[in-house]
Protein backbone atom coordinates (compact mmCIF):
# COMPACT_ATOMS: atom_id res chain seq x y z
CA MET A 1 58.34 -123.63 28.73
CA PRO A 2 60.44 -124.28 31.93
CA LYS A 3 58.18 -125.14 35.01
CA GLY A 4 60.25 -122.83 37.63
CA PRO A 5 63.09 -124.50 39.90
CA GLU A 6 63.13 -127.53 41.29
CA LYS A 7 61.52 -129.00 44.25
CA ASN A 8 63.64 -129.43 47.16
CA THR A 9 62.77 -132.78 48.39
CA LYS A 10 66.00 -134.43 49.63
CA ASN A 11 65.86 -132.81 53.20
CA LYS A 12 62.03 -133.60 53.47
CA ALA A 13 61.75 -136.54 55.24
CA LEU A 14 64.35 -135.45 57.85
CA HIS A 15 62.13 -132.16 58.58
CA THR A 16 58.67 -133.66 58.56
CA LYS A 17 60.57 -136.33 61.36
CA LEU A 18 61.80 -132.99 63.25
CA LEU A 19 58.41 -131.39 63.27
CA ASN A 20 56.73 -134.33 64.17
CA ARG A 21 59.15 -135.40 66.73
CA LYS A 22 58.13 -131.83 67.84
CA LYS A 23 54.63 -132.08 67.82
CA ALA A 24 54.96 -135.12 69.88
CA LYS A 25 57.44 -133.19 72.56
CA LEU A 26 54.64 -130.37 72.74
CA GLN A 27 52.13 -132.76 73.04
CA GLU A 28 53.17 -134.58 75.82
CA GLU A 29 54.02 -131.98 77.82
CA LYS A 30 50.48 -130.36 77.42
CA LYS A 31 49.38 -133.86 78.98
CA GLU A 32 52.29 -132.84 82.01
CA LYS A 33 50.89 -129.50 82.54
CA ALA A 34 47.32 -130.62 82.66
CA LEU A 35 47.76 -133.66 85.20
CA ARG A 36 50.14 -131.23 87.48
CA LEU A 37 47.11 -128.26 87.41
CA LYS A 38 44.73 -131.41 88.17
CA ALA A 39 47.05 -132.78 91.34
CA LEU A 40 47.27 -129.51 92.25
CA VAL A 41 43.21 -128.68 92.03
CA ALA A 42 42.88 -131.66 94.09
CA LYS A 43 44.99 -131.24 97.11
CA MET A 44 44.23 -127.20 97.22
CA ASN A 45 40.38 -128.76 97.44
CA GLN A 46 40.59 -131.33 99.92
CA GLN A 47 43.27 -128.17 101.96
CA LYS A 48 40.06 -126.20 101.96
CA ASN A 49 37.72 -129.39 103.10
CA THR A 50 40.05 -129.86 105.83
CA ASN A 51 40.26 -126.27 106.89
CA GLU A 52 36.03 -126.16 106.80
């Protein structure tokens, strides 16, 4: 009895590496966005305090 088509494992390592790189990039962008937002909030709070 045939067990079905063979699995393609040739490019699996390359694909995993690519996905890990993509995941790391997205995580880095998320961190940078959070830092920018934090800086913006701090700046706005400072402006608000100086206006009062």
